[in-house]
Amino acid sequence: MFTGLVQKIGSVKRVSRGRGLVLEFAFEPWERPLAEGESVAVNGVCLTVAKRDAGRFTADVLEETVRRSNLKNLVPGDRVNLERAVLAGDPLGGHIVQGHVDCTGAVREIRLKGRDRQMIVGCGRVVAAQSVLKGSVALDGVSLTISALGEDFLGVDLIPSTLAGTTLGFRRTGDELNIESDVFGKYAAGGNAKGGLSEADLLAAGFI
């Protein structure tokens, strides 16, 4: 599990597209070194560290992840958002982010709002139906509050620190972002056959 609070901006060092997509990333090392087998969110996608050294790690990308996310578009030199999985006792400063991307959406418009920017992103009807104004969404792994909502789009407001500390500050109209809607919104919108929440849903989400 993640919080959507980006810890570092890393970069893509190597892309291998042989029998499957393999990505290598470079980053400024954390004080607590990465371990093989741990989870890291890359642009909001939960990946497992396959190999690592002080300032790099390699991850294999599932075909399902390739299909649903923008990781398939990465090339060497691209910037990526990085966040390590939450440890027991860590503060939950953003919202619950699973690292399971629902879809991608293109940036439709970027509006200036004083010192801030509002980014309008196409999200499709399913994600829009799972979303609420002032609710949460993760875009490229960044926990954000929804400030505008339509039938197939959502908008988020970006403050200067978010623009400076994540890759969203480099995004332009037409760029493709990973979208993960809020897990509570998914359940409320009909996470089971009957719609609404069941005891089994709450148990699976870890609340019972």
N, C-alpha and C. Protein backbone atom coordinates (compact mmCIF):
# COMPACT_ATOMS: atom_id res chain seq x y z
N MET A 1 0.84 -1.19 0.00
CA MET A 1 0.00 0.00 0.00
C MET A 1 0.88 1.24 0.00
N PHE A 2 0.36 2.32 -0.62
CA PHE A 2 1.08 3.57 -0.72
C PHE A 2 0.16 4.71 -0.27
N THR A 3 0.73 5.91 -0.20
CA THR A 3 -0.06 7.06 0.24
C THR A 3 -0.27 8.09 -0.87
N GLY A 4 0.46 7.97 -1.97
CA GLY A 4 0.37 8.97 -3.02
C GLY A 4 1.20 10.21 -2.75
N LEU A 5 2.09 10.14 -1.75
CA LEU A 5 3.03 11.23 -1.49
C LEU A 5 4.38 10.84 -2.09
N VAL A 6 4.70 11.43 -3.22
CA VAL A 6 5.92 11.08 -3.95
C VAL A 6 7.14 11.42 -3.12
N GLN A 7 8.08 10.47 -3.04
CA GLN A 7 9.28 10.66 -2.23
C GLN A 7 10.48 11.12 -3.04
N LYS A 8 10.54 10.70 -4.30
CA LYS A 8 11.66 11.06 -5.16
C LYS A 8 11.21 11.10 -6.61
N ILE A 9 11.89 11.90 -7.40
CA ILE A 9 11.77 11.83 -8.85
C ILE A 9 12.98 11.06 -9.36
N GLY A 10 12.73 9.91 -9.97
CA GLY A 10 13.80 9.11 -10.55
C GLY A 10 13.83 9.27 -12.06
N SER A 11 14.68 8.51 -12.70
CA SER A 11 14.77 8.56 -14.17
C SER A 11 14.92 7.15 -14.72
N VAL A 12 14.46 6.98 -15.94
CA VAL A 12 14.58 5.68 -16.62
C VAL A 12 15.99 5.56 -17.20
N LYS A 13 16.68 4.46 -16.84
CA LYS A 13 18.03 4.23 -17.35
C LYS A 13 18.05 3.23 -18.50
N ARG A 14 17.19 2.22 -18.43
CA ARG A 14 17.21 1.17 -19.45
C ARG A 14 15.81 0.61 -19.63
N VAL A 15 15.47 0.32 -20.90
CA VAL A 15 14.19 -0.30 -21.25
C VAL A 15 14.49 -1.52 -22.10
N SER A 16 14.03 -2.68 -21.65
CA SER A 16 14.21 -3.92 -22.40
C SER A 16 12.84 -4.45 -22.78
N ARG A 17 12.63 -4.74 -24.05
CA ARG A 17 11.34 -5.22 -24.53
C ARG A 17 11.48 -6.58 -25.20
N GLY A 18 12.30 -7.44 -24.64
CA GLY A 18 12.50 -8.78 -25.19
C GLY A 18 11.27 -9.65 -25.01
N ARG A 19 11.36 -10.62 -24.11
CA ARG A 19 10.23 -11.51 -23.85
C ARG A 19 9.21 -10.88 -22.91
N GLY A 20 9.50 -9.70 -22.44
CA GLY A 20 8.62 -8.95 -21.55
C GLY A 20 9.28 -7.63 -21.23
N LEU A 21 8.51 -6.68 -20.74
CA LEU A 21 9.06 -5.36 -20.45
C LEU A 21 9.83 -5.38 -19.13
N VAL A 22 11.09 -4.95 -19.20
CA VAL A 22 11.94 -4.81 -18.02
C VAL A 22 12.44 -3.37 -17.99
N LEU A 23 12.30 -2.72 -16.84
CA LEU A 23 12.70 -1.32 -16.71
C LEU A 23 13.75 -1.17 -15.62
N GLU A 24 14.73 -0.32 -15.88
CA GLU A 24 15.74 0.01 -14.87
C GLU A 24 15.65 1.50 -14.57
N PHE A 25 15.64 1.83 -13.28
CA PHE A 25 15.49 3.21 -12.84
C PHE A 25 16.69 3.65 -12.02
N ALA A 26 17.03 4.92 -12.14
CA ALA A 26 18.08 5.52 -11.31
C ALA A 26 17.43 6.55 -10.38
N PHE A 27 18.01 6.71 -9.19
CA PHE A 27 17.43 7.62 -8.20
C PHE A 27 18.49 7.95 -7.16
N GLU A 28 18.25 9.03 -6.44
CA GLU A 28 19.09 9.35 -5.29
C GLU A 28 18.72 8.38 -4.17
N PRO A 29 19.69 7.63 -3.64
CA PRO A 29 19.37 6.56 -2.68
C PRO A 29 18.63 7.06 -1.44
N TRP A 30 17.72 6.22 -0.95
CA TRP A 30 17.07 6.47 0.32
C TRP A 30 18.04 6.18 1.46
N GLU A 31 17.77 6.75 2.63
CA GLU A 31 18.60 6.46 3.80
C GLU A 31 18.53 4.98 4.15
N ARG A 32 17.35 4.40 4.05
CA ARG A 32 17.19 2.95 4.23
C ARG A 32 17.24 2.30 2.85
N PRO A 33 18.26 1.52 2.54
CA PRO A 33 18.43 1.00 1.18
C PRO A 33 17.25 0.14 0.73
N LEU A 34 16.99 0.16 -0.56
CA LEU A 34 16.00 -0.74 -1.14
C LEU A 34 16.44 -2.19 -0.95
N ALA A 35 15.47 -3.08 -0.86
CA ALA A 35 15.75 -4.51 -0.76
C ALA A 35 15.08 -5.22 -1.92
N GLU A 36 15.74 -6.24 -2.43
CA GLU A 36 15.12 -7.04 -3.49
C GLU A 36 13.83 -7.66 -2.97
N GLY A 37 12.78 -7.58 -3.78
CA GLY A 37 11.49 -8.12 -3.39
C GLY A 37 10.53 -7.11 -2.79
N GLU A 38 10.99 -5.92 -2.44
CA GLU A 38 10.07 -4.94 -1.88
C GLU A 38 9.33 -4.21 -3.00
N SER A 39 8.28 -3.50 -2.62
CA SER A 39 7.43 -2.82 -3.59
C SER A 39 7.76 -1.34 -3.66
N VAL A 40 7.79 -0.83 -4.88
CA VAL A 40 7.98 0.60 -5.13
C VAL A 40 6.94 1.03 -6.15
N ALA A 41 6.25 2.13 -5.89
CA ALA A 41 5.31 2.68 -6.86
C ALA A 41 6.09 3.56 -7.84
N VAL A 42 5.98 3.22 -9.12
CA VAL A 42 6.62 3.99 -10.18
C VAL A 42 5.50 4.61 -11.02
N ASN A 43 5.38 5.94 -10.98
CA ASN A 43 4.24 6.62 -11.61
C ASN A 43 2.92 6.00 -11.15
N GLY A 44 2.90 5.58 -9.87
CA GLY A 44 1.68 5.04 -9.30
C GLY A 44 1.45 3.56 -9.53
N VAL A 45 2.38 2.89 -10.21
CA VAL A 45 2.26 1.45 -10.48
C VAL A 45 3.12 0.68 -9.49
N CYS A 46 2.52 -0.24 -8.77
CA CYS A 46 3.27 -1.06 -7.81
C CYS A 46 4.15 -2.05 -8.56
N LEU A 47 5.46 -1.90 -8.43
CA LEU A 47 6.42 -2.80 -9.04
C LEU A 47 7.28 -3.45 -7.97
N THR A 48 7.77 -4.65 -8.25
CA THR A 48 8.63 -5.39 -7.32
C THR A 48 10.08 -5.21 -7.73
N VAL A 49 10.92 -4.87 -6.77
CA VAL A 49 12.35 -4.71 -7.04
C VAL A 49 12.96 -6.08 -7.32
N ALA A 50 13.44 -6.28 -8.56
CA ALA A 50 14.05 -7.56 -8.93
C ALA A 50 15.55 -7.56 -8.65
N LYS A 51 16.21 -6.46 -9.00
CA LYS A 51 17.64 -6.29 -8.74
C LYS A 51 17.84 -4.85 -8.31
N ARG A 52 18.88 -4.61 -7.52
CA ARG A 52 19.12 -3.23 -7.08
C ARG A 52 20.57 -3.06 -6.68
N ASP A 53 21.01 -1.80 -6.72
CA ASP A 53 22.25 -1.41 -6.07
C ASP A 53 21.99 -0.06 -5.42
N ALA A 54 23.01 0.68 -5.07
CA ALA A 54 22.82 1.88 -4.26
C ALA A 54 21.89 2.91 -4.89
N GLY A 55 21.98 3.10 -6.20
CA GLY A 55 21.19 4.14 -6.84
C GLY A 55 20.40 3.68 -8.03
N ARG A 56 20.14 2.38 -8.14
CA ARG A 56 19.38 1.86 -9.27
C ARG A 56 18.57 0.65 -8.83
N PHE A 57 17.47 0.41 -9.53
CA PHE A 57 16.77 -0.87 -9.36
C PHE A 57 16.09 -1.25 -10.67
N THR A 58 15.89 -2.55 -10.83
CA THR A 58 15.27 -3.12 -12.02
C THR A 58 13.98 -3.80 -11.64
N ALA A 59 12.97 -3.70 -12.50
CA ALA A 59 11.67 -4.32 -12.23
C ALA A 59 11.12 -4.93 -13.51
N ASP A 60 10.49 -6.09 -13.37
CA ASP A 60 9.75 -6.72 -14.46
C ASP A 60 8.32 -6.19 -14.44
N VAL A 61 7.75 -5.96 -15.61
CA VAL A 61 6.42 -5.37 -15.71
C VAL A 61 5.46 -6.39 -16.31
N LEU A 62 4.39 -6.69 -15.59
CA LEU A 62 3.38 -7.63 -16.07
C LEU A 62 2.72 -7.13 -17.35
N GLU A 63 2.28 -8.06 -18.19
CA GLU A 63 1.58 -7.68 -19.42
C GLU A 63 0.32 -6.89 -19.10
N GLU A 64 -0.40 -7.25 -18.03
CA GLU A 64 -1.59 -6.51 -17.63
C GLU A 64 -1.23 -5.08 -17.27
N THR A 65 -0.10 -4.90 -16.62
CA THR A 65 0.35 -3.55 -16.26
C THR A 65 0.73 -2.76 -17.50
N VAL A 66 1.38 -3.43 -18.44
CA VAL A 66 1.73 -2.78 -19.71
C VAL A 66 0.47 -2.27 -20.40
N ARG A 67 -0.58 -3.09 -20.38
CA ARG A 67 -1.82 -2.74 -21.06
C ARG A 67 -2.52 -1.56 -20.41
N ARG A 68 -2.51 -1.50 -19.07
CA ARG A 68 -3.30 -0.51 -18.35
C ARG A 68 -2.57 0.79 -18.05
N SER A 69 -1.25 0.80 -18.10
CA SER A 69 -0.51 1.96 -17.61
C SER A 69 0.31 2.64 -18.70
N ASN A 70 0.92 3.77 -18.33
CA ASN A 70 1.78 4.48 -19.27
C ASN A 70 3.24 4.02 -19.21
N LEU A 71 3.53 2.97 -18.43
CA LEU A 71 4.91 2.49 -18.36
C LEU A 71 5.40 2.00 -19.72
N LYS A 72 4.48 1.56 -20.58
CA LYS A 72 4.86 1.08 -21.91
C LYS A 72 5.45 2.18 -22.78
N ASN A 73 5.18 3.44 -22.41
CA ASN A 73 5.66 4.57 -23.21
C ASN A 73 7.02 5.08 -22.76
N LEU A 74 7.55 4.56 -21.65
CA LEU A 74 8.78 5.11 -21.10
C LEU A 74 9.99 4.83 -21.99
N VAL A 75 10.88 5.81 -22.05
CA VAL A 75 12.15 5.68 -22.77
C VAL A 75 13.25 6.21 -21.85
N PRO A 76 14.50 5.79 -22.08
CA PRO A 76 15.59 6.28 -21.24
C PRO A 76 15.62 7.80 -21.16
N GLY A 77 15.77 8.28 -19.94
CA GLY A 77 15.80 9.72 -19.69
C GLY A 77 14.50 10.27 -19.15
N ASP A 78 13.41 9.53 -19.31
CA ASP A 78 12.13 10.00 -18.78
C ASP A 78 12.17 10.08 -17.26
N ARG A 79 11.50 11.07 -16.70
CA ARG A 79 11.37 11.20 -15.25
C ARG A 79 10.18 10.38 -14.76
N VAL A 80 10.30 9.82 -13.55
CA VAL A 80 9.22 9.04 -12.96
C VAL A 80 9.07 9.38 -11.48
N ASN A 81 7.85 9.30 -10.98
CA ASN A 81 7.58 9.47 -9.56
C ASN A 81 7.84 8.17 -8.83
N LEU A 82 8.51 8.23 -7.68
CA LEU A 82 8.84 7.05 -6.89
C LEU A 82 8.32 7.19 -5.47
N GLU A 83 7.72 6.10 -4.97
CA GLU A 83 7.29 6.04 -3.58
C GLU A 83 7.44 4.61 -3.08
N ARG A 84 8.08 4.45 -1.95
CA ARG A 84 8.18 3.12 -1.33
C ARG A 84 6.89 2.78 -0.61
N ALA A 85 6.64 1.47 -0.43
CA ALA A 85 5.43 1.04 0.25
C ALA A 85 5.44 1.51 1.70
N VAL A 86 4.24 1.74 2.23
CA VAL A 86 4.07 2.19 3.61
C VAL A 86 4.46 1.07 4.58
N LEU A 87 5.18 1.44 5.63
CA LEU A 87 5.48 0.51 6.71
C LEU A 87 4.51 0.73 7.86
N ALA A 88 4.29 -0.31 8.66
CA ALA A 88 3.43 -0.17 9.83
C ALA A 88 3.94 0.97 10.72
N GLY A 89 3.07 1.89 11.05
CA GLY A 89 3.45 3.02 11.88
C GLY A 89 3.78 4.27 11.09
N ASP A 90 3.94 4.17 9.78
CA ASP A 90 4.21 5.36 8.97
C ASP A 90 2.97 6.24 8.93
N PRO A 91 3.13 7.56 8.86
CA PRO A 91 1.97 8.44 8.73
C PRO A 91 1.32 8.28 7.36
N LEU A 92 -0.01 8.31 7.33
CA LEU A 92 -0.75 8.23 6.08
C LEU A 92 -1.16 9.64 5.70
N GLY A 93 -0.28 10.32 4.99
CA GLY A 93 -0.50 11.73 4.72
C GLY A 93 -1.34 12.03 3.50
N GLY A 94 -1.42 11.08 2.54
CA GLY A 94 -2.23 11.30 1.35
C GLY A 94 -3.55 10.57 1.47
N HIS A 95 -3.72 9.50 0.67
CA HIS A 95 -4.86 8.61 0.82
C HIS A 95 -4.40 7.20 0.48
N ILE A 96 -5.26 6.22 0.68
CA ILE A 96 -4.87 4.83 0.42
C ILE A 96 -4.75 4.60 -1.08
N VAL A 97 -3.54 4.32 -1.53
CA VAL A 97 -3.25 4.06 -2.93
C VAL A 97 -2.72 2.63 -3.04
N GLN A 98 -3.36 1.82 -3.84
CA GLN A 98 -2.97 0.42 -3.95
C GLN A 98 -1.84 0.17 -4.94
N GLY A 99 -1.63 1.10 -5.85
CA GLY A 99 -0.65 0.86 -6.91
C GLY A 99 -1.22 0.02 -8.04
N HIS A 100 -2.55 -0.09 -8.08
CA HIS A 100 -3.25 -0.84 -9.13
C HIS A 100 -3.95 0.17 -10.04
N VAL A 101 -3.29 0.52 -11.12
CA VAL A 101 -3.79 1.56 -12.02
C VAL A 101 -5.05 1.06 -12.73
N ASP A 102 -6.08 1.90 -12.77
CA ASP A 102 -7.32 1.55 -13.45
C ASP A 102 -7.23 1.76 -14.95
N CYS A 103 -6.62 2.86 -15.35
CA CYS A 103 -6.54 3.20 -16.77
C CYS A 103 -5.57 4.37 -16.92
N THR A 104 -5.40 4.80 -18.14
CA THR A 104 -4.66 6.03 -18.40
C THR A 104 -5.62 7.06 -18.98
N GLY A 105 -5.24 8.31 -18.85
CA GLY A 105 -6.04 9.39 -19.41
C GLY A 105 -5.14 10.51 -19.89
N ALA A 106 -5.55 11.16 -20.96
CA ALA A 106 -4.75 12.24 -21.53
C ALA A 106 -5.08 13.57 -20.87
N VAL A 107 -4.07 14.39 -20.70
CA VAL A 107 -4.27 15.75 -20.19
C VAL A 107 -4.99 16.55 -21.28
N ARG A 108 -6.18 17.04 -20.97
CA ARG A 108 -6.97 17.79 -21.95
C ARG A 108 -6.67 19.28 -21.92
N GLU A 109 -6.41 19.79 -20.74
CA GLU A 109 -6.22 21.23 -20.60
C GLU A 109 -5.48 21.52 -19.31
N ILE A 110 -4.66 22.56 -19.32
CA ILE A 110 -4.00 23.05 -18.11
C ILE A 110 -4.35 24.52 -17.96
N ARG A 111 -5.03 24.83 -16.86
CA ARG A 111 -5.49 26.19 -16.63
C ARG A 111 -4.69 26.83 -15.51
N LEU A 112 -4.28 28.07 -15.71
CA LEU A 112 -3.59 28.81 -14.66
C LEU A 112 -4.61 29.39 -13.70
N LYS A 113 -4.36 29.19 -12.38
CA LYS A 113 -5.24 29.73 -11.34
C LYS A 113 -4.36 30.45 -10.32
N GLY A 114 -3.95 31.66 -10.65
CA GLY A 114 -3.02 32.38 -9.80
C GLY A 114 -1.67 31.68 -9.79
N ARG A 115 -1.20 31.29 -8.62
CA ARG A 115 0.08 30.60 -8.51
C ARG A 115 -0.06 29.12 -8.83
N ASP A 116 -1.31 28.63 -8.86
CA ASP A 116 -1.58 27.20 -9.03
C ASP A 116 -1.95 26.88 -10.47
N ARG A 117 -2.10 25.60 -10.76
CA ARG A 117 -2.59 25.14 -12.05
C ARG A 117 -3.71 24.14 -11.84
N GLN A 118 -4.72 24.20 -12.68
CA GLN A 118 -5.73 23.15 -12.70
C GLN A 118 -5.51 22.30 -13.94
N MET A 119 -5.42 20.99 -13.73
CA MET A 119 -5.19 20.05 -14.82
C MET A 119 -6.47 19.26 -15.06
N ILE A 120 -6.98 19.29 -16.29
CA ILE A 120 -8.17 18.55 -16.68
C ILE A 120 -7.71 17.30 -17.42
N VAL A 121 -8.17 16.14 -16.95
CA VAL A 121 -7.70 14.85 -17.48
C VAL A 121 -8.89 13.99 -17.88
N GLY A 122 -8.87 13.46 -19.09
CA GLY A 122 -9.89 12.50 -19.50
C GLY A 122 -9.70 11.20 -18.73
N CYS A 123 -10.79 10.71 -18.12
CA CYS A 123 -10.66 9.52 -17.28
C CYS A 123 -11.62 8.40 -17.67
N GLY A 124 -12.52 8.66 -18.62
CA GLY A 124 -13.51 7.67 -19.00
C GLY A 124 -14.70 7.69 -18.05
N ARG A 125 -15.81 7.12 -18.48
CA ARG A 125 -17.05 7.18 -17.71
C ARG A 125 -17.00 6.34 -16.43
N VAL A 126 -16.29 5.21 -16.47
CA VAL A 126 -16.26 4.33 -15.29
C VAL A 126 -15.56 5.02 -14.14
N VAL A 127 -14.37 5.55 -14.37
CA VAL A 127 -13.63 6.23 -13.31
C VAL A 127 -14.38 7.48 -12.85
N ALA A 128 -14.99 8.22 -13.80
CA ALA A 128 -15.75 9.41 -13.41
C ALA A 128 -16.91 9.04 -12.49
N ALA A 129 -17.55 7.90 -12.75
CA ALA A 129 -18.68 7.47 -11.92
C ALA A 129 -18.24 7.04 -10.53
N GLN A 130 -16.97 6.64 -10.38
CA GLN A 130 -16.43 6.23 -9.08
C GLN A 130 -15.88 7.41 -8.29
N SER A 131 -15.90 8.60 -8.89
CA SER A 131 -15.25 9.76 -8.30
C SER A 131 -16.27 10.75 -7.77
N VAL A 132 -15.84 11.57 -6.81
CA VAL A 132 -16.70 12.63 -6.26
C VAL A 132 -15.87 13.90 -6.11
N LEU A 133 -16.54 15.04 -6.23
CA LEU A 133 -15.86 16.30 -5.98
C LEU A 133 -15.31 16.33 -4.56
N LYS A 134 -14.11 16.80 -4.43
CA LYS A 134 -13.36 16.87 -3.17
C LYS A 134 -12.92 15.49 -2.68
N GLY A 135 -13.16 14.46 -3.49
CA GLY A 135 -12.63 13.15 -3.17
C GLY A 135 -11.20 13.02 -3.67
N SER A 136 -10.63 11.84 -3.53
CA SER A 136 -9.22 11.62 -3.87
C SER A 136 -9.06 10.85 -5.17
N VAL A 137 -7.95 11.09 -5.83
CA VAL A 137 -7.54 10.34 -7.01
C VAL A 137 -6.02 10.35 -7.05
N ALA A 138 -5.43 9.31 -7.62
CA ALA A 138 -3.98 9.28 -7.82
C ALA A 138 -3.68 9.41 -9.31
N LEU A 139 -2.92 10.43 -9.67
CA LEU A 139 -2.47 10.63 -11.05
C LEU A 139 -0.96 10.47 -11.09
N ASP A 140 -0.51 9.48 -11.87
CA ASP A 140 0.92 9.14 -11.90
C ASP A 140 1.47 8.95 -10.49
N GLY A 141 0.61 8.39 -9.61
CA GLY A 141 1.04 8.09 -8.25
C GLY A 141 0.96 9.23 -7.27
N VAL A 142 0.43 10.38 -7.69
CA VAL A 142 0.36 11.55 -6.82
C VAL A 142 -1.05 11.65 -6.24
N SER A 143 -1.17 11.69 -4.92
CA SER A 143 -2.46 11.84 -4.26
C SER A 143 -2.97 13.27 -4.44
N LEU A 144 -4.16 13.40 -5.05
CA LEU A 144 -4.71 14.71 -5.36
C LEU A 144 -6.19 14.76 -5.01
N THR A 145 -6.70 15.97 -4.83
CA THR A 145 -8.11 16.19 -4.55
C THR A 145 -8.81 16.62 -5.83
N ILE A 146 -9.95 16.00 -6.11
CA ILE A 146 -10.70 16.29 -7.33
C ILE A 146 -11.40 17.64 -7.18
N SER A 147 -11.11 18.57 -8.10
CA SER A 147 -11.69 19.91 -8.03
C SER A 147 -12.70 20.17 -9.14
N ALA A 148 -12.78 19.26 -10.11
CA ALA A 148 -13.77 19.38 -11.19
C ALA A 148 -14.09 17.97 -11.65
N LEU A 149 -15.34 17.77 -12.09
CA LEU A 149 -15.76 16.42 -12.46
C LEU A 149 -16.84 16.49 -13.53
N GLY A 150 -16.66 15.70 -14.59
CA GLY A 150 -17.65 15.61 -15.65
C GLY A 150 -17.95 14.16 -15.95
N GLU A 151 -18.68 13.89 -17.04
CA GLU A 151 -19.08 12.53 -17.37
C GLU A 151 -17.88 11.65 -17.71
N ASP A 152 -16.82 12.23 -18.26
CA ASP A 152 -15.66 11.42 -18.65
C ASP A 152 -14.34 12.13 -18.38
N PHE A 153 -14.35 13.08 -17.46
CA PHE A 153 -13.11 13.80 -17.13
C PHE A 153 -13.14 14.20 -15.66
N LEU A 154 -11.96 14.50 -15.14
CA LEU A 154 -11.83 15.08 -13.81
C LEU A 154 -10.75 16.14 -13.83
N GLY A 155 -10.82 17.02 -12.86
CA GLY A 155 -9.83 18.07 -12.75
C GLY A 155 -9.20 18.08 -11.37
N VAL A 156 -7.93 18.45 -11.29
CA VAL A 156 -7.22 18.56 -10.02
C VAL A 156 -6.46 19.87 -10.00
N ASP A 157 -6.35 20.47 -8.82
CA ASP A 157 -5.56 21.69 -8.66
C ASP A 157 -4.19 21.32 -8.11
N LEU A 158 -3.16 21.92 -8.69
CA LEU A 158 -1.77 21.60 -8.33
C LEU A 158 -1.09 22.82 -7.72
N ILE A 159 -0.62 22.67 -6.48
CA ILE A 159 0.09 23.76 -5.82
C ILE A 159 1.56 23.73 -6.22
N PRO A 160 2.30 24.82 -5.98
CA PRO A 160 3.70 24.88 -6.41
C PRO A 160 4.57 23.74 -5.91
N SER A 161 4.37 23.30 -4.65
CA SER A 161 5.22 22.22 -4.14
C SER A 161 4.97 20.91 -4.86
N THR A 162 3.73 20.66 -5.27
CA THR A 162 3.43 19.46 -6.04
C THR A 162 4.05 19.54 -7.43
N LEU A 163 3.98 20.71 -8.03
CA LEU A 163 4.57 20.89 -9.35
C LEU A 163 6.09 20.71 -9.31
N ALA A 164 6.71 21.17 -8.22
CA ALA A 164 8.17 21.08 -8.11
C ALA A 164 8.63 19.71 -7.67
N GLY A 165 7.84 19.00 -6.86
CA GLY A 165 8.29 17.75 -6.26
C GLY A 165 7.83 16.49 -6.95
N THR A 166 7.09 16.62 -8.06
CA THR A 166 6.63 15.46 -8.81
C THR A 166 6.81 15.73 -10.30
N THR A 167 6.54 14.71 -11.10
CA THR A 167 6.65 14.88 -12.56
C THR A 167 5.49 15.65 -13.14
N LEU A 168 4.44 15.93 -12.35
CA LEU A 168 3.29 16.65 -12.90
C LEU A 168 3.66 18.05 -13.36
N GLY A 169 4.72 18.60 -12.80
CA GLY A 169 5.17 19.91 -13.24
C GLY A 169 5.72 19.92 -14.65
N PHE A 170 6.05 18.74 -15.19
CA PHE A 170 6.58 18.63 -16.56
C PHE A 170 5.50 18.23 -17.56
N ARG A 171 4.32 17.91 -17.09
CA ARG A 171 3.28 17.39 -17.97
C ARG A 171 2.66 18.51 -18.81
N ARG A 172 2.29 18.15 -20.05
CA ARG A 172 1.70 19.09 -20.98
C ARG A 172 0.43 18.49 -21.59
N THR A 173 -0.34 19.31 -22.27
CA THR A 173 -1.56 18.84 -22.91
C THR A 173 -1.26 17.68 -23.86
N GLY A 174 -2.06 16.61 -23.74
CA GLY A 174 -1.87 15.42 -24.57
C GLY A 174 -1.09 14.32 -23.90
N ASP A 175 -0.35 14.64 -22.83
CA ASP A 175 0.41 13.61 -22.12
C ASP A 175 -0.55 12.61 -21.46
N GLU A 176 -0.10 11.37 -21.38
CA GLU A 176 -0.90 10.29 -20.81
C GLU A 176 -0.51 10.05 -19.35
N LEU A 177 -1.49 10.06 -18.46
CA LEU A 177 -1.25 9.87 -17.03
C LEU A 177 -1.89 8.57 -16.56
N ASN A 178 -1.24 7.91 -15.58
CA ASN A 178 -1.86 6.77 -14.92
C ASN A 178 -2.92 7.28 -13.94
N ILE A 179 -4.07 6.61 -13.92
CA ILE A 179 -5.16 7.00 -13.04
C ILE A 179 -5.55 5.82 -12.16
N GLU A 180 -5.56 6.05 -10.85
CA GLU A 180 -6.11 5.09 -9.90
C GLU A 180 -7.18 5.80 -9.08
N SER A 181 -8.43 5.40 -9.26
CA SER A 181 -9.51 6.03 -8.49
C SER A 181 -9.48 5.52 -7.06
N ASP A 182 -10.13 6.25 -6.18
CA ASP A 182 -10.13 5.95 -4.75
C ASP A 182 -10.80 4.60 -4.50
N VAL A 183 -10.16 3.75 -3.71
CA VAL A 183 -10.69 2.41 -3.46
C VAL A 183 -12.07 2.47 -2.82
N PHE A 184 -12.33 3.46 -1.96
CA PHE A 184 -13.64 3.57 -1.34
C PHE A 184 -14.70 3.93 -2.38
N GLY A 185 -14.32 4.76 -3.34
CA GLY A 185 -15.25 5.10 -4.42
C GLY A 185 -15.60 3.90 -5.26
N LYS A 186 -14.63 3.01 -5.47
CA LYS A 186 -14.90 1.81 -6.26
C LYS A 186 -15.94 0.93 -5.57
N TYR A 187 -15.76 0.73 -4.27
CA TYR A 187 -16.71 -0.10 -3.53
C TYR A 187 -18.09 0.56 -3.48
N ALA A 188 -18.11 1.86 -3.22
CA ALA A 188 -19.39 2.56 -3.11
C ALA A 188 -20.14 2.56 -4.43
N ALA A 189 -19.39 2.59 -5.55
CA ALA A 189 -20.02 2.62 -6.87
C ALA A 189 -20.51 1.25 -7.31
N GLY A 190 -20.17 0.21 -6.55
CA GLY A 190 -20.64 -1.12 -6.91
C GLY A 190 -19.52 -2.11 -7.03
N GLY A 191 -18.79 -2.33 -5.93
CA GLY A 191 -17.66 -3.26 -5.95
C GLY A 191 -18.09 -4.71 -5.90
N ASN A 192 -19.40 -4.99 -5.79
CA ASN A 192 -19.87 -6.36 -5.84
C ASN A 192 -21.10 -6.42 -6.72
N ALA A 193 -21.60 -7.60 -6.96
CA ALA A 193 -22.68 -7.79 -7.92
C ALA A 193 -23.94 -7.02 -7.56
N LYS A 194 -24.21 -6.86 -6.25
CA LYS A 194 -25.42 -6.18 -5.81
C LYS A 194 -25.23 -4.68 -5.69
N GLY A 195 -23.98 -4.22 -5.77
CA GLY A 195 -23.69 -2.80 -5.56
C GLY A 195 -23.54 -2.51 -4.08
N GLY A 196 -22.85 -1.42 -3.75
CA GLY A 196 -22.65 -1.06 -2.35
C GLY A 196 -21.60 -1.92 -1.70
N LEU A 197 -21.51 -1.85 -0.38
CA LEU A 197 -20.48 -2.54 0.39
C LEU A 197 -21.05 -3.76 1.09
N SER A 198 -20.26 -4.83 1.10
CA SER A 198 -20.63 -6.01 1.85
C SER A 198 -19.56 -6.26 2.91
N GLU A 199 -19.85 -7.17 3.83
CA GLU A 199 -18.86 -7.52 4.84
C GLU A 199 -17.62 -8.12 4.20
N ALA A 200 -17.82 -8.90 3.13
CA ALA A 200 -16.68 -9.51 2.43
C ALA A 200 -15.79 -8.44 1.79
N ASP A 201 -16.42 -7.37 1.26
CA ASP A 201 -15.64 -6.27 0.69
C ASP A 201 -14.78 -5.60 1.75
N LEU A 202 -15.36 -5.33 2.90
CA LEU A 202 -14.62 -4.68 3.98
C LEU A 202 -13.50 -5.56 4.48
N LEU A 203 -13.75 -6.87 4.57
CA LEU A 203 -12.72 -7.81 4.99
C LEU A 203 -11.57 -7.83 4.01
N ALA A 204 -11.90 -7.87 2.71
CA ALA A 204 -10.86 -7.90 1.68
C ALA A 204 -10.02 -6.63 1.68
N ALA A 205 -10.64 -5.51 2.05
CA ALA A 205 -9.93 -4.23 2.08
C ALA A 205 -9.15 -4.03 3.37
N GLY A 206 -9.31 -4.98 4.32
CA GLY A 206 -8.53 -4.90 5.56
C GLY A 206 -9.16 -4.10 6.68
N PHE A 207 -10.47 -3.86 6.60
CA PHE A 207 -11.14 -3.03 7.61
C PHE A 207 -11.88 -3.86 8.66
N ILE A 208 -11.87 -5.18 8.53
CA ILE A 208 -12.49 -6.05 9.53
C ILE A 208 -11.46 -7.05 10.01
